[in-house]
Structures are given as structure tokens and as C-alpha cells.
PDB file of N, CA and C in Angstrom:
ATOM      1  N   MET A   1      -0.585   5.998   7.534  1.00  0.00           N
ATOM      2  CA  MET A   1      -0.655   4.726   6.941  1.00  0.00           C
ATOM      3  C   MET A   1       0.083   3.925   7.927  1.00  0.00           C
ATOM      4  N   TYR A   2       0.027   4.088   9.270  1.00  0.00           N
ATOM      5  CA  TYR A   2      -0.518   2.928   9.623  1.00  0.00           C
ATOM      6  C   TYR A   2      -1.610   1.829   9.636  1.00  0.00           C
ATOM      7  N   ARG A   3      -2.857   2.713   9.701  1.00  0.00           N
ATOM      8  CA  ARG A   3      -3.870   2.220   9.953  1.00  0.00           C
ATOM      9  C   ARG A   3      -3.950   0.774   8.311  1.00  0.00           C
ATOM     10  N   LEU A   4      -3.062   1.245   7.370  1.00  0.00           N
ATOM     11  CA  LEU A   4      -2.795   0.996   5.978  1.00  0.00           C
ATOM     12  C   LEU A   4      -2.013  -0.647   6.268  1.00  0.00           C
ATOM     13  N   LEU A   5      -1.176  -0.621   7.445  1.00  0.00           N
ATOM     14  CA  LEU A   5      -0.337  -1.736   7.530  1.00  0.00           C
ATOM     15  C   LEU A   5      -1.214  -2.464   8.272  1.00  0.00           C
ATOM     16  N   LYS A   6      -1.738  -2.026   9.520  1.00  0.00           N
ATOM     17  CA  LYS A   6      -3.187  -2.570  10.230  1.00  0.00           C
ATOM     18  C   LYS A   6      -3.709  -3.395   9.683  1.00  0.00           C
ATOM     19  N   ILE A   7      -4.601  -2.795   8.590  1.00  0.00           N
ATOM     20  CA  ILE A   7      -5.232  -3.487   7.371  1.00  0.00           C
ATOM     21  C   ILE A   7      -4.548  -4.648   7.630  1.00  0.00           C
ATOM     22  N   LEU A   8      -3.462  -4.439   6.671  1.00  0.00           N
ATOM     23  CA  LEU A   8      -3.116  -5.350   6.341  1.00  0.00           C
ATOM     24  C   LEU A   8      -2.696  -6.754   6.812  1.00  0.00           C
ATOM     25  N   LYS A   9      -2.520  -6.412   8.280  1.00  0.00           N
ATOM     26  CA  LYS A   9      -1.751  -7.042   9.275  1.00  0.00           C
ATOM     27  C   LYS A   9      -3.364  -8.297   9.611  1.00  0.00           C
ATOM     28  N   GLU A  10      -4.600  -7.461   9.588  1.00  0.00           N
ATOM     29  CA  GLU A  10      -5.897  -8.184   9.897  1.00  0.00           C
ATOM     30  C   GLU A  10      -6.393  -8.890   9.105  1.00  0.00           C
ATOM     31  N   HIS A  11      -6.203  -8.680   7.547  1.00  0.00           N
ATOM     32  CA  HIS A  11      -6.637  -8.835   6.590  1.00  0.00           C
ATOM     33  C   HIS A  11      -5.926  -9.935   5.387  1.00  0.00           C
ATOM     34  N   GLY A  12      -4.835  -9.301   5.298  1.00  0.00           N
ATOM     35  CA  GLY A  12      -4.132 -10.581   4.344  1.00  0.00           C
ATOM     36  C   GLY A  12      -3.853  -9.573   3.552  1.00  0.00           C
ATOM     37  N   PRO A  13      -3.391  -9.845   2.076  1.00  0.00           N
ATOM     38  CA  PRO A  13      -2.942  -9.382   1.277  1.00  0.00           C
ATOM     39  C   PRO A  13      -4.771  -8.759   0.588  1.00  0.00           C
ATOM     40  N   LEU A  14      -4.647  -7.597   0.029  1.00  0.00           N
ATOM     41  CA  LEU A  14      -6.153  -6.956  -0.748  1.00  0.00           C
ATOM     42  C   LEU A  14      -5.819  -6.176  -1.867  1.00  0.00           C
ATOM     43  N   SER A  15      -6.682  -6.173  -2.551  1.00  0.00           N
ATOM     44  CA  SER A  15      -6.654  -5.239  -3.838  1.00  0.00           C
ATOM     45  C   SER A  15      -6.413  -3.361  -3.478  1.00  0.00           C
ATOM     46  N   LYS A  16      -5.835  -2.815  -3.978  1.00  0.00           N
ATOM     47  CA  LYS A  16      -5.793  -1.360  -3.616  1.00  0.00           C
ATOM     48  C   LYS A  16      -6.948  -0.846  -3.398  1.00  0.00           C
ATOM     49  N   THR A  17      -8.280  -1.207  -4.080  1.00  0.00           N
ATOM     50  CA  THR A  17      -9.259  -0.680  -4.306  1.00  0.00           C
ATOM     51  C   THR A  17     -10.330  -0.574  -2.529  1.00  0.00           C
ATOM     52  N   SER A  18     -10.001  -2.470  -2.675  1.00  0.00           N
ATOM     53  CA  SER A  18     -10.569  -3.244  -1.438  1.00  0.00           C
ATOM     54  C   SER A  18      -9.280  -2.456  -0.081  1.00  0.00           C
ATOM     55  N   LEU A  19      -8.615  -1.925   0.577  1.00  0.00           N
ATOM     56  CA  LEU A  19      -7.417  -1.426   1.029  1.00  0.00           C
ATOM     57  C   LEU A  19      -8.257  -0.097   1.139  1.00  0.00           C
ATOM     58  N   ALA A  20      -8.467   0.772   0.025  1.00  0.00           N
ATOM     59  CA  ALA A  20      -8.882   2.194   0.255  1.00  0.00           C
ATOM     60  C   ALA A  20     -10.515   2.462   0.557  1.00  0.00           C
ATOM     61  N   LEU A  21     -10.693   0.964   0.780  1.00  0.00           N
ATOM     62  CA  LEU A  21     -12.523   1.140   1.358  1.00  0.00           C
ATOM     63  C   LEU A  21     -12.525   0.982   2.698  1.00  0.00           C
ATOM     64  N   TYR A  22     -11.398  -0.203   3.470  1.00  0.00           N
ATOM     65  CA  TYR A  22     -10.901  -0.963   4.648  1.00  0.00           C
ATOM     66  C   TYR A  22     -10.962   0.805   4.947  1.00  0.00           C
ATOM     67  N   ALA A  23      -9.840   1.321   4.506  1.00  0.00           N
ATOM     68  CA  ALA A  23      -9.049   2.252   5.124  1.00  0.00           C
ATOM     69  C   ALA A  23     -10.007   3.822   5.357  1.00  0.00           C
ATOM     70  N   LYS A  24     -11.123   3.424   4.532  1.00  0.00           N
ATOM     71  CA  LYS A  24     -12.276   5.047   4.480  1.00  0.00           C
ATOM     72  C   LYS A  24     -11.011   6.292   3.826  1.00  0.00           C
ATOM     73  N   LEU A  25     -10.783   5.978   2.764  1.00  0.00           N
ATOM     74  CA  LEU A  25      -9.839   6.954   2.447  1.00  0.00           C
ATOM     75  C   LEU A  25     -10.093   6.591   0.794  1.00  0.00           C
ATOM     76  N   ASN A  26      -9.846   8.077  -0.193  1.00  0.00           N
ATOM     77  CA  ASN A  26      -9.782   8.193  -1.169  1.00  0.00           C
ATOM     78  C   ASN A  26      -8.716   7.269  -2.217  1.00  0.00           C
ATOM     79  N   TYR A  27      -9.387   6.543  -3.234  1.00  0.00           N
ATOM     80  CA  TYR A  27      -8.332   5.633  -4.128  1.00  0.00           C
ATOM     81  C   TYR A  27      -7.074   6.479  -4.207  1.00  0.00           C
ATOM     82  N   GLN A  28      -6.762   7.658  -4.784  1.00  0.00           N
ATOM     83  CA  GLN A  28      -5.608   7.788  -5.234  1.00  0.00           C
ATOM     84  C   GLN A  28      -4.838   8.001  -3.850  1.00  0.00           C
ATOM     85  N   ARG A  29      -5.473   8.476  -2.949  1.00  0.00           N
ATOM     86  CA  ARG A  29      -4.648   9.087  -1.797  1.00  0.00           C
ATOM     87  C   ARG A  29      -4.169   7.324  -1.083  1.00  0.00           C
ATOM     88  N   ALA A  30      -4.946   6.646  -1.189  1.00  0.00           N
ATOM     89  CA  ALA A  30      -4.549   5.403  -0.616  1.00  0.00           C
ATOM     90  C   ALA A  30      -2.901   4.723  -1.568  1.00  0.00           C
ATOM     91  N   VAL A  31      -3.316   4.745  -2.962  1.00  0.00           N
ATOM     92  CA  VAL A  31      -2.404   5.003  -3.874  1.00  0.00           C
ATOM     93  C   VAL A  31      -1.100   5.255  -3.445  1.00  0.00           C
ATOM     94  N   ALA A  32      -0.826   6.608  -3.665  1.00  0.00           N
ATOM     95  CA  ALA A  32       0.118   6.952  -2.731  1.00  0.00           C
ATOM     96  C   ALA A  32       1.020   7.060  -1.546  1.00  0.00           C
ATOM     97  N   TYR A  33      -0.018   6.739  -0.547  1.00  0.00           N
ATOM     98  CA  TYR A  33       0.626   6.206   0.512  1.00  0.00           C
ATOM     99  C   TYR A  33       1.295   4.518   0.481  1.00  0.00           C
ATOM    100  N   LEU A  34       0.934   3.952  -0.512  1.00  0.00           N
ATOM    101  CA  LEU A  34       1.138   2.385  -0.353  1.00  0.00           C
ATOM    102  C   LEU A  34       2.673   2.499  -1.142  1.00  0.00           C
ATOM    103  N   GLN A  35       2.545   3.704  -2.018  1.00  0.00           N
ATOM    104  CA  GLN A  35       3.638   3.917  -2.874  1.00  0.00           C
ATOM    105  C   GLN A  35       4.990   4.401  -1.866  1.00  0.00           C
ATOM    106  N   HIS A  36       4.309   5.297  -0.683  1.00  0.00           N
ATOM    107  CA  HIS A  36       5.832   5.433   0.191  1.00  0.00           C
ATOM    108  C   HIS A  36       5.973   4.510   0.879  1.00  0.00           C
ATOM    109  N   LEU A  37       5.084   3.544   1.130  1.00  0.00           N
ATOM    110  CA  LEU A  37       5.356   2.342   1.986  1.00  0.00           C
ATOM    111  C   LEU A  37       6.161   1.040   1.164  1.00  0.00           C
ATOM    112  N   SER A  38       5.592   0.702   0.042  1.00  0.00           N
ATOM    113  CA  SER A  38       6.448   0.410  -0.792  1.00  0.00           C
ATOM    114  C   SER A  38       7.921   0.467  -1.038  1.00  0.00           C
ATOM    115  N   ASP A  39       8.167   1.945  -1.207  1.00  0.00           N
ATOM    116  CA  ASP A  39       9.381   2.502  -1.266  1.00  0.00           C
ATOM    117  C   ASP A  39      10.698   2.271  -0.058  1.00  0.00           C
ATOM    118  N   ALA A  40       9.833   2.071   1.049  1.00  0.00           N
ATOM    119  CA  ALA A  40       9.953   1.598   2.328  1.00  0.00           C
ATOM    120  C   ALA A  40      10.525   0.282   2.191  1.00  0.00           C
ATOM    121  N   GLY A  41       9.805  -0.593   1.631  1.00  0.00           N
ATOM    122  CA  GLY A  41      10.111  -1.769   1.853  1.00  0.00           C
ATOM    123  C   GLY A  41       9.240  -2.610   2.888  1.00  0.00           C
ATOM    124  N   LEU A  42       8.219  -1.703   3.358  1.00  0.00           N
ATOM    125  CA  LEU A  42       7.432  -2.332   4.126  1.00  0.00           C
ATOM    126  C   LEU A  42       5.703  -3.202   3.215  1.00  0.00           C
ATOM    127  N   VAL A  43       5.504  -2.715   2.143  1.00  0.00           N
ATOM    128  CA  VAL A  43       4.631  -3.278   1.450  1.00  0.00           C
ATOM    129  C   VAL A  43       5.209  -3.952   0.020  1.00  0.00           C
ATOM    130  N   GLU A  44       4.130  -4.690  -1.199  1.00  0.00           N
ATOM    131  CA  GLU A  44       4.624  -5.094  -1.907  1.00  0.00           C
ATOM    132  C   GLU A  44       3.575  -4.638  -2.647  1.00  0.00           C
ATOM    133  N   LEU A  45       3.551  -4.169  -3.920  1.00  0.00           N
ATOM    134  CA  LEU A  45       1.955  -4.192  -4.869  1.00  0.00           C
ATOM    135  C   LEU A  45       2.596  -4.916  -5.796  1.00  0.00           C
ATOM    136  N   GLU A  46       2.091  -5.709  -5.918  1.00  0.00           N
ATOM    137  CA  GLU A  46       1.814  -6.875  -7.038  1.00  0.00           C
ATOM    138  C   GLU A  46       0.422  -6.671  -7.359  1.00  0.00           C
ATOM    139  N   LYS A  47      -0.689  -7.713  -7.831  1.00  0.00           N
ATOM    140  CA  LYS A  47      -1.908  -7.912  -8.254  1.00  0.00           C
ATOM    141  C   LYS A  47      -2.980  -7.134  -6.647  1.00  0.00           C
ATOM    142  N   GLU A  48      -2.261  -8.077  -5.273  1.00  0.00           N
ATOM    143  CA  GLU A  48      -2.539  -7.629  -4.412  1.00  0.00           C
ATOM    144  C   GLU A  48      -1.364  -7.111  -3.311  1.00  0.00           C
ATOM    145  N   VAL A  49      -1.623  -5.895  -2.525  1.00  0.00           N
ATOM    146  CA  VAL A  49      -1.267  -5.305  -1.600  1.00  0.00           C
ATOM    147  C   VAL A  49      -0.689  -6.226  -0.439  1.00  0.00           C
ATOM    148  N   ALA A  50       0.742  -6.679  -0.329  1.00  0.00           N
ATOM    149  CA  ALA A  50       0.522  -7.316   1.516  1.00  0.00           C
ATOM    150  C   ALA A  50       1.614  -7.228   1.810  1.00  0.00           C
ATOM    151  N   LEU A  51       1.713  -7.516   3.149  1.00  0.00           N
ATOM    152  CA  LEU A  51       2.787  -6.530   4.007  1.00  0.00           C
ATOM    153  C   LEU A  51       4.534  -7.637   3.528  1.00  0.00           C
ATOM    154  N   THR A  52       5.091  -6.915   3.725  1.00  0.00           N
ATOM    155  CA  THR A  52       6.226  -7.588   3.335  1.00  0.00           C
ATOM    156  C   THR A  52       7.185  -7.905   4.759  1.00  0.00           C
ATOM    157  N   ARG A  53       8.022  -9.141   5.259  1.00  0.00           N
ATOM    158  CA  ARG A  53       8.332  -9.327   6.455  1.00  0.00           C
ATOM    159  C   ARG A  53       8.652  -8.080   7.671  1.00  0.00           C
ATOM    160  N   LYS A  54       9.444  -7.036   6.325  1.00  0.00           N
ATOM    161  CA  LYS A  54       9.946  -5.394   7.013  1.00  0.00           C
ATOM    162  C   LYS A  54       8.662  -5.117   7.568  1.00  0.00           C
ATOM    163  N   GLY A  55       7.709  -4.915   6.892  1.00  0.00           N
ATOM    164  CA  GLY A  55       6.364  -4.568   7.452  1.00  0.00           C
ATOM    165  C   GLY A  55       6.068  -5.031   8.386  1.00  0.00           C
ATOM    166  N   TYR A  56       5.648  -5.910   8.460  1.00  0.00           N
ATOM    167  CA  TYR A  56       5.119  -6.753   9.470  1.00  0.00           C
ATOM    168  C   TYR A  56       6.145  -6.762  11.169  1.00  0.00           C
ATOM    169  N   GLU A  57       7.026  -6.662  10.798  1.00  0.00           N
ATOM    170  CA  GLU A  57       8.064  -6.171  12.202  1.00  0.00           C
ATOM    171  C   GLU A  57       8.251  -4.891  12.281  1.00  0.00           C
ATOM    172  N   THR A  58       8.128  -3.837  11.495  1.00  0.00           N
ATOM    173  CA  THR A  58       8.113  -2.755  12.028  1.00  0.00           C
ATOM    174  C   THR A  58       6.412  -2.335  12.621  1.00  0.00           C
ATOM    175  N   LEU A  59       5.641  -2.907  11.945  1.00  0.00           N
ATOM    176  CA  LEU A  59       4.301  -2.908  12.564  1.00  0.00           C
ATOM    177  C   LEU A  59       4.117  -3.355  13.961  1.00  0.00           C
ATOM    178  N   GLU A  60       4.436  -4.433  14.234  1.00  0.00           N
ATOM    179  CA  GLU A  60       4.541  -5.005  15.717  1.00  0.00           C
ATOM    180  C   GLU A  60       5.374  -4.115  16.104  1.00  0.00           C
ATOM    181  N   LYS A  61       6.342  -3.254  15.509  1.00  0.00           N
ATOM    182  CA  LYS A  61       7.401  -2.253  16.430  1.00  0.00           C
ATOM    183  C   LYS A  61       6.975  -1.063  17.335  1.00  0.00           C
ATOM    184  N   LEU A  62       5.747  -1.093  16.025  1.00  0.00           N
ATOM    185  CA  LEU A  62       4.707   0.598  16.276  1.00  0.00           C
ATOM    186  C   LEU A  62       4.024   0.030  17.359  1.00  0.00           C
ATOM    187  N   GLU A  63       3.178  -0.976  17.421  1.00  0.00           N
ATOM    188  CA  GLU A  63       2.162  -1.228  18.255  1.00  0.00           C
ATOM    189  C   GLU A  63       2.873  -1.400  19.499  1.00  0.00           C
ATOM    190  N   GLU A  64       3.905  -2.197  19.823  1.00  0.00           N
ATOM    191  CA  GLU A  64       4.309  -2.298  20.969  1.00  0.00           C
ATOM    192  C   GLU A  64       4.551  -0.733  21.973  1.00  0.00           C
ATOM    193  N   VAL A  65       5.434   0.232  20.780  1.00  0.00           N
ATOM    194  CA  VAL A  65       5.635   1.601  21.191  1.00  0.00           C
ATOM    195  C   VAL A  65       4.255   2.200  21.839  1.00  0.00           C
ATOM    196  N   LEU A  66       3.267   1.755  20.708  1.00  0.00           N
ATOM    197  CA  LEU A  66       1.976   2.740  21.189  1.00  0.00           C
ATOM    198  C   LEU A  66       1.279   2.236  22.558  1.00  0.00           C
ATOM    199  N   LYS A  67       1.046   0.829  22.800  1.00  0.00           N
ATOM    200  CA  LYS A  67       0.962  -0.254  23.592  1.00  0.00           C
ATOM    201  C   LYS A  67       1.617   0.409  25.199  1.00  0.00           C
ATOM    202  N   ASN A  68       3.109   1.023  25.047  1.00  0.00           N
ATOM    203  CA  ASN A  68       3.839   1.360  26.335  1.00  0.00           C
ATOM    204  C   ASN A  68       3.440   3.051  26.221  1.00  0.00           C
ATOM    205  N   LEU A  69       3.116   3.492  25.052  1.00  0.00           N
ATOM    206  CA  LEU A  69       2.927   5.096  25.545  1.00  0.00           C
ATOM    207  C   LEU A  69       1.358   5.075  26.379  1.00  0.00           C
ATOM    208  N   GLY A  70       0.221   3.941  26.495  1.00  0.00           N
ATOM    209  CA  GLY A  70      -0.716   3.738  26.547  1.00  0.00           C
ATOM    210  C   GLY A  70      -1.788   4.575  25.500  1.00  0.00           C
ATOM    211  N   VAL A  71      -1.730   4.331  24.366  1.00  0.00           N
ATOM    212  CA  VAL A  71      -2.305   4.846  23.123  1.00  0.00           C
ATOM    213  C   VAL A  71      -3.653   3.681  22.675  1.00  0.00           C
ATOM    214  N   THR A  72      -4.452   3.717  22.758  1.00  0.00           N
ATOM    215  CA  THR A  72      -5.458   2.707  22.465  1.00  0.00           C
ATOM    216  C   THR A  72      -5.255   2.665  21.000  1.00  0.00           C
ATOM    217  N   HIS A  73      -6.342   1.451  20.299  1.00  0.00           N
ATOM    218  CA  HIS A  73      -7.040   1.364  19.545  1.00  0.00           C
ATOM    219  C   HIS A  73      -8.051   2.478  18.279  1.00  0.00           C
ATOM    220  N   ARG A  74      -8.275   2.500  19.379  1.00  0.00           N
ATOM    221  CA  ARG A  74      -9.315   4.053  19.402  1.00  0.00           C
ATOM    222  C   ARG A  74      -8.688   5.370  18.940  1.00  0.00           C
ATOM    223  N   ASP A  75      -7.608   5.332  19.624  1.00  0.00           N
ATOM    224  CA  ASP A  75      -6.956   6.697  19.796  1.00  0.00           C
ATOM    225  C   ASP A  75      -6.236   6.569  17.897  1.00  0.00           C
ATOM    226  N   ASN A  76      -5.828   6.002  17.802  1.00  0.00           N
ATOM    227  CA  ASN A  76      -4.956   6.031  16.665  1.00  0.00           C
ATOM    228  C   ASN A  76      -6.173   5.999  15.236  1.00  0.00           C
ATOM    229  N   GLN A  77      -7.518   5.595  15.421  1.00  0.00           N
ATOM    230  CA  GLN A  77      -8.505   6.133  14.320  1.00  0.00           C
ATOM    231  C   GLN A  77      -8.396   7.496  13.949  1.00  0.00           C
ATOM    232  N   LYS A  78      -8.069   8.465  15.197  1.00  0.00           N
ATOM    233  CA  LYS A  78      -8.589   9.440  14.583  1.00  0.00           C
ATOM    234  C   LYS A  78      -7.573  10.598  13.814  1.00  0.00           C
TER     235      LYS A  78
END
């Protein structure tokens, strides 16, 4: 789910299909993850999927923690 948030931060609002393709997830799995993120208030599911303010702030905090742990972007792709 981190990857979905990261993609939205980098590319802005996207369709569910485009987001699934960027994340290399099948559509149904991506939609299930997006529903969890929406329930948590991290994304808005309108015509396009977009980060909420809470989603952006949560992602910023997570990136800071990962940086402090020495986890690289490449490590997050696994």
C-alpha cells in the first residue's frame, strides 16, 4: 500500500486502472488496497484516486522513518 501512496504523490491523481498499472498490481487487488486506504482517510476515491492531506502527511512521516532506518527506495520495491 506504501507503493500506491508513493505513486500518487509522484504522479498526482490517477484513474484506478492507471494506478494499478504503475504499481504492477492486478486491478482487483489494487481496488481492494485502495478501499483500505480510503477507509483510513488516506485517499479519495472519486473519478480519479487522489491523496488526501492525511495521506500526504502519513506518507511523509513514513518516508522519514524509512530514511532513518536506512531503507532505500529500491528496498521498498521488493
